[in-house]
């Protein structure tokens, strides 16, 4: 999914935006960001409001949009 394809789309239906790559909130291991929002702008705004430092610590344009049932498993580690 590209940033431009979800940038201006607006919908009443919520979507789950997921960032989960090696470059996401990396410390000793990769992190993960999940945001339930109507569009990408709202998702990024919610991340900024929750943790402004996170904005510079993940590739904003590399996300997945989940619109159907799906499970995510994220192991911790060092």
C-alpha atoms as a PDB file:
ATOM      1  CA  UNK A   1       0.000   0.000   0.000  1.00  0.00           C
ATOM      2  CA  UNK A   2       1.347   3.429  -0.808  1.00  0.00           C
ATOM      3  CA  UNK A   3       0.865   6.608   1.146  1.00  0.00           C
ATOM      4  CA  UNK A   4      -0.714   8.445  -1.789  1.00  0.00           C
ATOM      5  CA  UNK A   5      -3.364   5.784  -2.363  1.00  0.00           C
ATOM      6  CA  UNK A   6      -4.738   6.304   1.154  1.00  0.00           C
ATOM      7  CA  UNK A   7      -3.762   9.929   1.683  1.00  0.00           C
ATOM      8  CA  UNK A   8      -6.926  11.663   0.511  1.00  0.00           C
ATOM      9  CA  UNK A   9      -9.462   8.883   0.793  1.00  0.00           C
ATOM     10  CA  UNK A  10     -12.007   9.467   3.502  1.00  0.00           C
ATOM     11  CA  UNK A  11     -14.525   6.987   4.750  1.00  0.00           C
ATOM     12  CA  UNK A  12     -16.956   6.428   7.562  1.00  0.00           C
ATOM     13  CA  UNK A  13     -15.525   2.921   7.905  1.00  0.00           C
ATOM     14  CA  UNK A  14     -12.538   2.518  10.211  1.00  0.00           C
ATOM     15  CA  UNK A  15      -9.402   0.820   8.912  1.00  0.00           C
ATOM     16  CA  UNK A  16      -6.464  -0.633  10.799  1.00  0.00           C
ATOM     17  CA  UNK A  17      -3.177   0.940   9.666  1.00  0.00           C
ATOM     18  CA  UNK A  18      -0.175  -1.230  10.566  1.00  0.00           C
ATOM     19  CA  UNK A  19       3.534  -0.433  10.424  1.00  0.00           C
ATOM     20  CA  UNK A  20       5.637  -3.540  11.147  1.00  0.00           C
ATOM     21  CA  UNK A  21       9.061  -3.656   9.555  1.00  0.00           C
ATOM     22  CA  UNK A  22      12.665  -3.620  10.697  1.00  0.00           C
ATOM     23  CA  UNK A  23      12.616   0.195  10.613  1.00  0.00           C
ATOM     24  CA  UNK A  24       9.687   0.705  13.026  1.00  0.00           C
ATOM     25  CA  UNK A  25      10.463   2.046  16.519  1.00  0.00           C
ATOM     26  CA  UNK A  26      13.721   0.128  16.460  1.00  0.00           C
ATOM     27  CA  UNK A  27      15.692  -0.223  19.684  1.00  0.00           C
ATOM     28  CA  UNK A  28      17.201  -3.698  20.085  1.00  0.00           C
ATOM     29  CA  UNK A  29      14.418  -5.278  18.047  1.00  0.00           C
ATOM     30  CA  UNK A  30      11.872  -3.886  15.558  1.00  0.00           C
ATOM     31  CA  UNK A  31       8.653  -2.410  16.898  1.00  0.00           C
ATOM     32  CA  UNK A  32       5.122  -2.187  15.606  1.00  0.00           C
ATOM     33  CA  UNK A  33       2.511   0.566  15.316  1.00  0.00           C
ATOM     34  CA  UNK A  34      -1.215  -0.140  14.865  1.00  0.00           C
ATOM     35  CA  UNK A  35      -3.763   2.648  14.491  1.00  0.00           C
ATOM     36  CA  UNK A  36      -7.513   2.385  13.979  1.00  0.00           C
ATOM     37  CA  UNK A  37      -8.504   5.400  11.874  1.00  0.00           C
ATOM     38  CA  UNK A  38     -10.635   6.542   8.944  1.00  0.00           C
ATOM     39  CA  UNK A  39      -7.672   7.534   6.738  1.00  0.00           C
ATOM     40  CA  UNK A  40      -3.892   7.916   6.732  1.00  0.00           C
ATOM     41  CA  UNK A  41      -3.921  11.566   7.816  1.00  0.00           C
ATOM     42  CA  UNK A  42      -5.958  10.686  10.880  1.00  0.00           C
ATOM     43  CA  UNK A  43      -3.676   7.715  11.650  1.00  0.00           C
ATOM     44  CA  UNK A  44      -0.532   9.874  11.550  1.00  0.00           C
ATOM     45  CA  UNK A  45      -2.251  12.575  13.615  1.00  0.00           C
ATOM     46  CA  UNK A  46      -3.181  10.014  16.271  1.00  0.00           C
ATOM     47  CA  UNK A  47       0.403   8.706  16.397  1.00  0.00           C
ATOM     48  CA  UNK A  48       1.707  12.268  16.787  1.00  0.00           C
ATOM     49  CA  UNK A  49      -0.770  12.945  19.608  1.00  0.00           C
ATOM     50  CA  UNK A  50       0.069   9.682  21.380  1.00  0.00           C
ATOM     51  CA  UNK A  51       3.861   9.896  21.052  1.00  0.00           C
ATOM     52  CA  UNK A  52       5.383  12.706  19.012  1.00  0.00           C
ATOM     53  CA  UNK A  53       8.831  11.084  19.167  1.00  0.00           C
ATOM     54  CA  UNK A  54       7.508   8.071  17.253  1.00  0.00           C
ATOM     55  CA  UNK A  55       6.903  10.137  14.107  1.00  0.00           C
ATOM     56  CA  UNK A  56      10.601  10.210  13.188  1.00  0.00           C
ATOM     57  CA  UNK A  57      11.132   6.558  14.030  1.00  0.00           C
ATOM     58  CA  UNK A  58       9.232   4.668  11.358  1.00  0.00           C
ATOM     59  CA  UNK A  59       8.783   4.872   7.584  1.00  0.00           C
ATOM     60  CA  UNK A  60       5.414   6.635   7.306  1.00  0.00           C
ATOM     61  CA  UNK A  61       4.915   5.445   3.726  1.00  0.00           C
ATOM     62  CA  UNK A  62       5.387   1.705   4.450  1.00  0.00           C
ATOM     63  CA  UNK A  63       2.148   0.522   6.003  1.00  0.00           C
ATOM     64  CA  UNK A  64      -0.565  -2.082   5.552  1.00  0.00           C
ATOM     65  CA  UNK A  65      -4.273  -1.360   5.688  1.00  0.00           C
ATOM     66  CA  UNK A  66      -6.363  -4.108   7.215  1.00  0.00           C
ATOM     67  CA  UNK A  67     -10.055  -4.130   6.302  1.00  0.00           C
ATOM     68  CA  UNK A  68     -10.903  -7.767   7.017  1.00  0.00           C
ATOM     69  CA  UNK A  69     -10.290 -10.135   9.934  1.00  0.00           C
ATOM     70  CA  UNK A  70      -6.600 -10.745  10.533  1.00  0.00           C
ATOM     71  CA  UNK A  71      -4.393 -11.726  13.472  1.00  0.00           C
ATOM     72  CA  UNK A  72      -1.068 -10.167  14.429  1.00  0.00           C
ATOM     73  CA  UNK A  73       1.533 -11.740  16.662  1.00  0.00           C
ATOM     74  CA  UNK A  74       4.428  -9.669  17.944  1.00  0.00           C
ATOM     75  CA  UNK A  75       7.100 -11.412  20.028  1.00  0.00           C
ATOM     76  CA  UNK A  76       9.224  -9.370  22.377  1.00  0.00           C
ATOM     77  CA  UNK A  77      12.951  -9.776  22.574  1.00  0.00           C
ATOM     78  CA  UNK A  78      16.284  -8.156  23.025  1.00  0.00           C
END
